[in-house]
Amino acid sequence: MGHWLHEANEKAAEIARIESLFECLGALREREEHLRHVLGCANVVMKEINPGWTMDDLKPVKKHVHKAPSRPGEIARLTLDILRDASEPLTAREIAVRAINRLGQDGADKETVERVYKAVEATLRAKLKSGLVQHDGNYGRKWKIAV
C-alpha cells in the first residue's frame, strides 16, 4: 500500500505541475502574438529602409548567453599563454586571431572574431591593473607579459 500511496502522490504532483502550465498558456500565447506583430511592423520598417531586406537573413538571438567560441575564462588563459609564447609584443587583434586559431576556429566569422577581440581587450585591461601585462603606450598598443 505504501508503494501505491507514493505513486498516487507522484501522479498528483505531476498533474498539478501540468495544470499550472495551462494557467500560463494564455499569457504565453498573448506575448507570442504581440511579438509576431512587433516583428511584422519591424519588417515593414526594414523594407522601407532597404527594399531588398528579408526576414530570412535574421537569426534568433537569445539574450544574456555566452556566445564566445570558448568556455568562460578560457580566453583569459589563452591570452596570457599566447603572450608568454610570443617572441615579440602583440596587439590585441593579433592575440585574438591566435586565440581563435588555438580554439580550432580557423575562418571564424567577423562576429566571432570581434567577440574574442573584446574578451582579449577586457583581459588585458584587467591584467594591466594587476601588473601582469604591460603595453608600449602607443596607438595600437603592443602587449607583453610584465617582467
N, C-alpha and C. Protein backbone atom coordinates (compact mmCIF):
# COMPACT_ATOMS: atom_id res chain seq x y z
N MET A 1 0.82 -1.19 0.00
CA MET A 1 0.00 0.00 0.00
C MET A 1 0.87 1.26 0.00
N GLY A 2 2.02 1.18 0.66
CA GLY A 2 2.92 2.34 0.70
C GLY A 2 3.41 2.73 -0.69
N HIS A 3 3.69 1.72 -1.53
CA HIS A 3 4.11 2.00 -2.90
C HIS A 3 3.00 2.68 -3.69
N TRP A 4 1.76 2.21 -3.50
CA TRP A 4 0.62 2.81 -4.19
C TRP A 4 0.41 4.25 -3.74
N LEU A 5 0.57 4.46 -2.43
CA LEU A 5 0.40 5.81 -1.91
C LEU A 5 1.46 6.75 -2.50
N HIS A 6 2.71 6.27 -2.54
CA HIS A 6 3.79 7.08 -3.12
C HIS A 6 3.51 7.38 -4.59
N GLU A 7 3.10 6.37 -5.36
CA GLU A 7 2.81 6.58 -6.78
C GLU A 7 1.64 7.54 -6.96
N ALA A 8 0.61 7.43 -6.11
CA ALA A 8 -0.54 8.34 -6.19
C ALA A 8 -0.10 9.77 -5.91
N ASN A 9 0.77 9.94 -4.92
CA ASN A 9 1.28 11.29 -4.60
C ASN A 9 2.11 11.86 -5.75
N GLU A 10 2.94 11.01 -6.37
CA GLU A 10 3.72 11.45 -7.53
C GLU A 10 2.82 11.89 -8.66
N LYS A 11 1.78 11.09 -8.95
CA LYS A 11 0.86 11.42 -10.05
C LYS A 11 0.12 12.72 -9.75
N ALA A 12 -0.28 12.94 -8.50
CA ALA A 12 -0.97 14.17 -8.13
C ALA A 12 -0.05 15.38 -8.33
N ALA A 13 1.21 15.23 -7.96
CA ALA A 13 2.17 16.33 -8.14
C ALA A 13 2.39 16.61 -9.62
N GLU A 14 2.46 15.57 -10.43
CA GLU A 14 2.66 15.74 -11.87
C GLU A 14 1.45 16.42 -12.50
N ILE A 15 0.25 16.01 -12.07
CA ILE A 15 -0.98 16.63 -12.57
C ILE A 15 -1.01 18.11 -12.20
N ALA A 16 -0.64 18.44 -10.98
CA ALA A 16 -0.62 19.84 -10.53
C ALA A 16 0.37 20.65 -11.36
N ARG A 17 1.54 20.07 -11.64
CA ARG A 17 2.54 20.77 -12.45
C ARG A 17 2.01 21.05 -13.85
N ILE A 18 1.37 20.05 -14.46
CA ILE A 18 0.84 20.21 -15.82
C ILE A 18 -0.30 21.23 -15.83
N GLU A 19 -1.17 21.18 -14.83
CA GLU A 19 -2.28 22.15 -14.76
C GLU A 19 -1.75 23.57 -14.59
N SER A 20 -0.66 23.74 -13.84
CA SER A 20 -0.09 25.08 -13.66
C SER A 20 0.47 25.62 -14.98
N LEU A 21 0.96 24.72 -15.83
CA LEU A 21 1.43 25.15 -17.15
C LEU A 21 0.28 25.67 -18.00
N PHE A 22 -0.90 25.05 -17.87
CA PHE A 22 -2.06 25.51 -18.64
C PHE A 22 -2.51 26.88 -18.18
N GLU A 23 -2.30 27.21 -16.91
CA GLU A 23 -2.65 28.53 -16.41
C GLU A 23 -1.81 29.60 -17.09
N CYS A 24 -0.57 29.29 -17.41
CA CYS A 24 0.34 30.24 -18.05
C CYS A 24 0.13 30.31 -19.57
N LEU A 25 -0.53 29.33 -20.11
CA LEU A 25 -0.63 29.20 -21.56
C LEU A 25 -1.25 30.43 -22.22
N GLY A 26 -2.30 30.99 -21.63
CA GLY A 26 -2.96 32.17 -22.21
C GLY A 26 -2.01 33.36 -22.31
N ALA A 27 -1.30 33.63 -21.24
CA ALA A 27 -0.36 34.76 -21.23
C ALA A 27 0.77 34.52 -22.23
N LEU A 28 1.25 33.29 -22.32
CA LEU A 28 2.32 32.98 -23.28
C LEU A 28 1.84 33.19 -24.71
N ARG A 29 0.62 32.76 -25.01
CA ARG A 29 0.08 32.94 -26.36
C ARG A 29 -0.07 34.42 -26.69
N GLU A 30 -0.55 35.22 -25.73
CA GLU A 30 -0.70 36.66 -25.95
C GLU A 30 0.66 37.30 -26.23
N ARG A 31 1.67 36.95 -25.46
CA ARG A 31 3.02 37.52 -25.66
C ARG A 31 3.58 37.12 -27.01
N GLU A 32 3.39 35.86 -27.40
CA GLU A 32 3.90 35.39 -28.70
C GLU A 32 3.20 36.14 -29.84
N GLU A 33 1.88 36.34 -29.74
CA GLU A 33 1.14 37.09 -30.77
C GLU A 33 1.64 38.53 -30.84
N HIS A 34 1.87 39.15 -29.68
CA HIS A 34 2.38 40.52 -29.64
C HIS A 34 3.75 40.62 -30.30
N LEU A 35 4.64 39.67 -29.98
CA LEU A 35 5.98 39.68 -30.57
C LEU A 35 5.92 39.47 -32.09
N ARG A 36 5.04 38.60 -32.56
CA ARG A 36 4.88 38.40 -34.02
C ARG A 36 4.41 39.69 -34.67
N HIS A 37 3.49 40.43 -34.00
CA HIS A 37 3.02 41.71 -34.52
C HIS A 37 4.16 42.72 -34.59
N VAL A 38 4.96 42.80 -33.51
CA VAL A 38 6.11 43.72 -33.47
C VAL A 38 7.10 43.36 -34.59
N LEU A 39 7.36 42.07 -34.77
CA LEU A 39 8.27 41.64 -35.85
C LEU A 39 7.72 42.02 -37.21
N GLY A 40 6.42 41.89 -37.41
CA GLY A 40 5.80 42.29 -38.68
C GLY A 40 5.97 43.78 -38.93
N CYS A 41 5.76 44.58 -37.89
CA CYS A 41 5.94 46.04 -38.02
C CYS A 41 7.40 46.38 -38.31
N ALA A 42 8.31 45.74 -37.60
CA ALA A 42 9.73 45.99 -37.83
C ALA A 42 10.13 45.58 -39.24
N ASN A 43 9.54 44.51 -39.74
CA ASN A 43 9.82 44.06 -41.10
C ASN A 43 9.39 45.12 -42.11
N VAL A 44 8.23 45.75 -41.90
CA VAL A 44 7.76 46.82 -42.79
C VAL A 44 8.74 47.98 -42.77
N VAL A 45 9.21 48.36 -41.58
CA VAL A 45 10.16 49.47 -41.46
C VAL A 45 11.47 49.12 -42.17
N MET A 46 11.97 47.90 -41.97
CA MET A 46 13.23 47.50 -42.60
C MET A 46 13.10 47.48 -44.12
N LYS A 47 11.95 47.06 -44.64
CA LYS A 47 11.76 47.06 -46.09
C LYS A 47 11.68 48.48 -46.62
N GLU A 48 11.18 49.40 -45.80
CA GLU A 48 11.14 50.81 -46.20
C GLU A 48 12.56 51.37 -46.30
N ILE A 49 13.40 50.99 -45.36
CA ILE A 49 14.79 51.45 -45.34
C ILE A 49 15.59 50.77 -46.44
N ASN A 50 15.41 49.45 -46.57
CA ASN A 50 16.16 48.67 -47.54
C ASN A 50 15.19 47.72 -48.25
N PRO A 51 14.76 48.06 -49.47
CA PRO A 51 13.77 47.23 -50.17
C PRO A 51 14.20 45.78 -50.37
N GLY A 52 15.48 45.50 -50.34
CA GLY A 52 15.97 44.14 -50.51
C GLY A 52 15.96 43.31 -49.23
N TRP A 53 15.53 43.90 -48.12
CA TRP A 53 15.52 43.23 -46.82
C TRP A 53 14.56 42.04 -46.82
N THR A 54 15.01 40.95 -46.23
CA THR A 54 14.12 39.81 -45.97
C THR A 54 14.37 39.31 -44.55
N MET A 55 13.35 38.77 -43.96
CA MET A 55 13.49 38.23 -42.60
C MET A 55 14.29 36.94 -42.62
N ASP A 56 14.55 36.40 -43.80
CA ASP A 56 15.35 35.17 -43.90
C ASP A 56 16.78 35.39 -43.40
N ASP A 57 17.26 36.64 -43.49
CA ASP A 57 18.62 36.96 -43.06
C ASP A 57 18.74 37.06 -41.54
N LEU A 58 17.61 37.10 -40.86
CA LEU A 58 17.58 37.32 -39.42
C LEU A 58 17.77 36.02 -38.67
N LYS A 59 18.70 36.05 -37.69
CA LYS A 59 18.93 34.87 -36.84
C LYS A 59 18.36 35.15 -35.45
N PRO A 60 17.62 34.22 -34.86
CA PRO A 60 17.16 34.41 -33.48
C PRO A 60 18.35 34.48 -32.54
N VAL A 61 18.32 35.43 -31.62
CA VAL A 61 19.41 35.61 -30.67
C VAL A 61 18.82 35.60 -29.26
N LYS A 62 19.36 34.75 -28.42
CA LYS A 62 18.91 34.67 -27.04
C LYS A 62 19.73 35.64 -26.20
N LYS A 63 19.06 36.42 -25.35
CA LYS A 63 19.74 37.40 -24.51
C LYS A 63 20.56 36.73 -23.42
N HIS A 64 21.62 37.39 -23.02
CA HIS A 64 22.44 37.01 -21.87
C HIS A 64 22.95 35.57 -21.95
N VAL A 65 23.46 35.22 -23.10
CA VAL A 65 24.01 33.88 -23.30
C VAL A 65 25.46 34.03 -23.72
N HIS A 66 26.31 33.20 -23.17
CA HIS A 66 27.73 33.22 -23.53
C HIS A 66 27.86 32.81 -24.99
N LYS A 67 28.38 33.71 -25.82
CA LYS A 67 28.43 33.46 -27.26
C LYS A 67 29.83 33.25 -27.81
N ALA A 68 30.82 33.39 -27.00
CA ALA A 68 32.18 33.20 -27.48
C ALA A 68 32.41 31.73 -27.82
N PRO A 69 33.37 31.45 -28.69
CA PRO A 69 33.61 30.06 -29.09
C PRO A 69 34.43 29.28 -28.06
N SER A 70 34.40 29.72 -26.83
CA SER A 70 35.21 29.08 -25.78
C SER A 70 34.41 29.05 -24.49
N ARG A 71 34.93 28.33 -23.53
CA ARG A 71 34.31 28.30 -22.21
C ARG A 71 34.63 29.60 -21.50
N PRO A 72 33.78 30.02 -20.56
CA PRO A 72 34.09 31.25 -19.80
C PRO A 72 35.45 31.13 -19.12
N GLY A 73 36.26 32.17 -19.25
CA GLY A 73 37.58 32.20 -18.64
C GLY A 73 38.69 31.65 -19.52
N GLU A 74 38.32 30.94 -20.58
CA GLU A 74 39.33 30.33 -21.43
C GLU A 74 40.10 31.37 -22.23
N ILE A 75 39.44 32.43 -22.65
CA ILE A 75 40.11 33.48 -23.41
C ILE A 75 41.18 34.15 -22.56
N ALA A 76 40.90 34.37 -21.28
CA ALA A 76 41.90 34.98 -20.40
C ALA A 76 43.14 34.10 -20.31
N ARG A 77 42.94 32.81 -20.13
CA ARG A 77 44.07 31.88 -20.05
C ARG A 77 44.82 31.85 -21.37
N LEU A 78 44.09 31.78 -22.49
CA LEU A 78 44.73 31.76 -23.80
C LEU A 78 45.52 33.04 -24.06
N THR A 79 44.96 34.17 -23.66
CA THR A 79 45.64 35.46 -23.87
C THR A 79 47.00 35.45 -23.20
N LEU A 80 47.03 35.03 -21.95
CA LEU A 80 48.30 35.00 -21.23
C LEU A 80 49.25 33.95 -21.80
N ASP A 81 48.73 32.79 -22.19
CA ASP A 81 49.58 31.76 -22.81
C ASP A 81 50.20 32.27 -24.11
N ILE A 82 49.40 32.95 -24.91
CA ILE A 82 49.90 33.48 -26.20
C ILE A 82 50.98 34.52 -25.95
N LEU A 83 50.77 35.40 -24.98
CA LEU A 83 51.79 36.41 -24.67
C LEU A 83 53.07 35.77 -24.15
N ARG A 84 52.94 34.72 -23.34
CA ARG A 84 54.13 34.02 -22.83
C ARG A 84 54.92 33.37 -23.96
N ASP A 85 54.20 32.80 -24.94
CA ASP A 85 54.85 32.10 -26.05
C ASP A 85 55.41 33.04 -27.11
N ALA A 86 54.91 34.27 -27.16
CA ALA A 86 55.30 35.21 -28.21
C ALA A 86 56.72 35.70 -28.02
N SER A 87 57.43 35.86 -29.12
CA SER A 87 58.80 36.36 -29.05
C SER A 87 58.84 37.89 -29.06
N GLU A 88 57.75 38.52 -29.48
CA GLU A 88 57.67 39.98 -29.52
C GLU A 88 56.31 40.42 -29.00
N PRO A 89 56.14 41.68 -28.60
CA PRO A 89 54.83 42.17 -28.15
C PRO A 89 53.79 42.06 -29.28
N LEU A 90 52.54 41.85 -28.90
CA LEU A 90 51.47 41.67 -29.87
C LEU A 90 50.33 42.63 -29.59
N THR A 91 49.58 42.99 -30.64
CA THR A 91 48.37 43.78 -30.46
C THR A 91 47.25 42.85 -29.99
N ALA A 92 46.20 43.44 -29.46
CA ALA A 92 45.06 42.64 -29.00
C ALA A 92 44.43 41.88 -30.17
N ARG A 93 44.40 42.49 -31.34
CA ARG A 93 43.83 41.83 -32.52
C ARG A 93 44.66 40.60 -32.89
N GLU A 94 46.00 40.74 -32.86
CA GLU A 94 46.87 39.60 -33.16
C GLU A 94 46.67 38.47 -32.15
N ILE A 95 46.50 38.85 -30.89
CA ILE A 95 46.26 37.85 -29.84
C ILE A 95 44.93 37.15 -30.10
N ALA A 96 43.92 37.92 -30.47
CA ALA A 96 42.59 37.35 -30.74
C ALA A 96 42.65 36.35 -31.88
N VAL A 97 43.35 36.69 -32.95
CA VAL A 97 43.47 35.78 -34.10
C VAL A 97 44.19 34.50 -33.69
N ARG A 98 45.25 34.63 -32.91
CA ARG A 98 45.97 33.44 -32.45
C ARG A 98 45.09 32.59 -31.51
N ALA A 99 44.31 33.25 -30.68
CA ALA A 99 43.41 32.53 -29.78
C ALA A 99 42.36 31.75 -30.58
N ILE A 100 41.83 32.38 -31.60
CA ILE A 100 40.84 31.70 -32.46
C ILE A 100 41.48 30.49 -33.13
N ASN A 101 42.71 30.64 -33.59
CA ASN A 101 43.41 29.51 -34.21
C ASN A 101 43.62 28.38 -33.20
N ARG A 102 44.00 28.73 -31.97
CA ARG A 102 44.21 27.69 -30.95
C ARG A 102 42.91 27.01 -30.56
N LEU A 103 41.78 27.72 -30.70
CA LEU A 103 40.48 27.13 -30.39
C LEU A 103 39.97 26.27 -31.54
N GLY A 104 40.72 26.26 -32.66
CA GLY A 104 40.30 25.46 -33.80
C GLY A 104 39.17 26.11 -34.59
N GLN A 105 39.07 27.41 -34.52
CA GLN A 105 38.00 28.15 -35.20
C GLN A 105 38.53 28.90 -36.41
N ASP A 106 39.50 28.32 -37.13
CA ASP A 106 40.06 28.98 -38.30
C ASP A 106 38.93 29.38 -39.25
N GLY A 107 39.03 30.56 -39.82
CA GLY A 107 38.00 31.04 -40.74
C GLY A 107 36.73 31.45 -40.01
N ALA A 108 36.85 31.88 -38.76
CA ALA A 108 35.68 32.30 -37.98
C ALA A 108 35.06 33.55 -38.60
N ASP A 109 33.76 33.72 -38.43
CA ASP A 109 33.08 34.89 -38.97
C ASP A 109 33.49 36.15 -38.21
N LYS A 110 33.15 37.30 -38.79
CA LYS A 110 33.55 38.59 -38.23
C LYS A 110 33.02 38.79 -36.81
N GLU A 111 31.81 38.32 -36.56
CA GLU A 111 31.19 38.45 -35.25
C GLU A 111 31.99 37.71 -34.18
N THR A 112 32.41 36.52 -34.49
CA THR A 112 33.18 35.71 -33.54
C THR A 112 34.53 36.35 -33.28
N VAL A 113 35.18 36.82 -34.33
CA VAL A 113 36.48 37.49 -34.17
C VAL A 113 36.31 38.71 -33.26
N GLU A 114 35.25 39.46 -33.46
CA GLU A 114 35.03 40.66 -32.65
C GLU A 114 34.76 40.30 -31.19
N ARG A 115 34.01 39.24 -30.95
CA ARG A 115 33.75 38.79 -29.58
C ARG A 115 35.04 38.40 -28.87
N VAL A 116 35.86 37.63 -29.56
CA VAL A 116 37.13 37.19 -28.97
C VAL A 116 38.04 38.39 -28.74
N TYR A 117 38.07 39.31 -29.71
CA TYR A 117 38.88 40.52 -29.57
C TYR A 117 38.47 41.31 -28.33
N LYS A 118 37.17 41.48 -28.13
CA LYS A 118 36.69 42.23 -26.96
C LYS A 118 37.04 41.50 -25.67
N ALA A 119 36.98 40.18 -25.69
CA ALA A 119 37.34 39.41 -24.49
C ALA A 119 38.84 39.55 -24.21
N VAL A 120 39.65 39.55 -25.26
CA VAL A 120 41.10 39.72 -25.10
C VAL A 120 41.38 41.11 -24.54
N GLU A 121 40.72 42.13 -25.10
CA GLU A 121 40.90 43.51 -24.61
C GLU A 121 40.55 43.62 -23.13
N ALA A 122 39.42 43.03 -22.75
CA ALA A 122 39.00 43.09 -21.35
C ALA A 122 40.01 42.38 -20.45
N THR A 123 40.50 41.25 -20.91
CA THR A 123 41.51 40.52 -20.15
C THR A 123 42.77 41.36 -19.98
N LEU A 124 43.22 41.97 -21.05
CA LEU A 124 44.45 42.76 -20.99
C LEU A 124 44.30 43.96 -20.06
N ARG A 125 43.15 44.63 -20.12
CA ARG A 125 42.92 45.77 -19.21
C ARG A 125 42.92 45.31 -17.76
N ALA A 126 42.28 44.17 -17.49
CA ALA A 126 42.24 43.66 -16.11
C ALA A 126 43.63 43.25 -15.64
N LYS A 127 44.39 42.60 -16.50
CA LYS A 127 45.73 42.14 -16.12
C LYS A 127 46.71 43.30 -16.03
N LEU A 128 46.44 44.40 -16.76
CA LEU A 128 47.26 45.60 -16.65
C LEU A 128 47.13 46.19 -15.24
N LYS A 129 45.90 46.21 -14.73
CA LYS A 129 45.67 46.73 -13.38
C LYS A 129 46.39 45.90 -12.33
N SER A 130 46.44 44.60 -12.56
CA SER A 130 47.09 43.72 -11.58
C SER A 130 48.60 43.64 -11.81
N GLY A 131 49.10 44.25 -12.89
CA GLY A 131 50.53 44.29 -13.14
C GLY A 131 51.09 43.08 -13.86
N LEU A 132 50.24 42.21 -14.37
CA LEU A 132 50.72 41.02 -15.08
C LEU A 132 51.20 41.32 -16.49
N VAL A 133 50.58 42.32 -17.13
CA VAL A 133 50.96 42.67 -18.50
C VAL A 133 51.27 44.16 -18.57
N GLN A 134 51.91 44.53 -19.65
CA GLN A 134 52.18 45.95 -19.91
C GLN A 134 52.12 46.18 -21.41
N HIS A 135 51.98 47.46 -21.80
CA HIS A 135 51.94 47.80 -23.22
C HIS A 135 52.88 48.96 -23.48
N ASP A 136 53.10 49.24 -24.77
CA ASP A 136 54.06 50.28 -25.14
C ASP A 136 53.51 51.69 -25.06
N GLY A 137 52.19 51.85 -24.87
CA GLY A 137 51.59 53.18 -24.74
C GLY A 137 51.25 53.85 -26.05
N ASN A 138 51.65 53.30 -27.17
CA ASN A 138 51.34 53.87 -28.48
C ASN A 138 49.95 53.45 -28.92
N TYR A 139 49.46 54.14 -29.97
CA TYR A 139 48.20 53.74 -30.58
C TYR A 139 48.39 52.35 -31.20
N GLY A 140 47.41 51.49 -31.06
CA GLY A 140 47.59 50.10 -31.50
C GLY A 140 48.52 49.40 -30.55
N ARG A 141 48.24 49.53 -29.28
CA ARG A 141 49.10 49.03 -28.21
C ARG A 141 49.64 47.62 -28.49
N LYS A 142 50.91 47.48 -28.21
CA LYS A 142 51.55 46.16 -28.28
C LYS A 142 51.73 45.69 -26.85
N TRP A 143 51.21 44.51 -26.57
CA TRP A 143 51.19 43.96 -25.22
C TRP A 143 52.24 42.90 -25.03
N LYS A 144 52.72 42.82 -23.77
CA LYS A 144 53.65 41.75 -23.42
C LYS A 144 53.49 41.44 -21.94
N ILE A 145 54.00 40.32 -21.54
CA ILE A 145 54.00 39.95 -20.12
C ILE A 145 54.98 40.86 -19.38
N ALA A 146 54.56 41.39 -18.24
CA ALA A 146 55.43 42.27 -17.45
C ALA A 146 56.56 41.43 -16.87
N VAL A 147 57.77 41.96 -16.97
CA VAL A 147 58.94 41.22 -16.48
C VAL A 147 59.24 41.57 -15.05
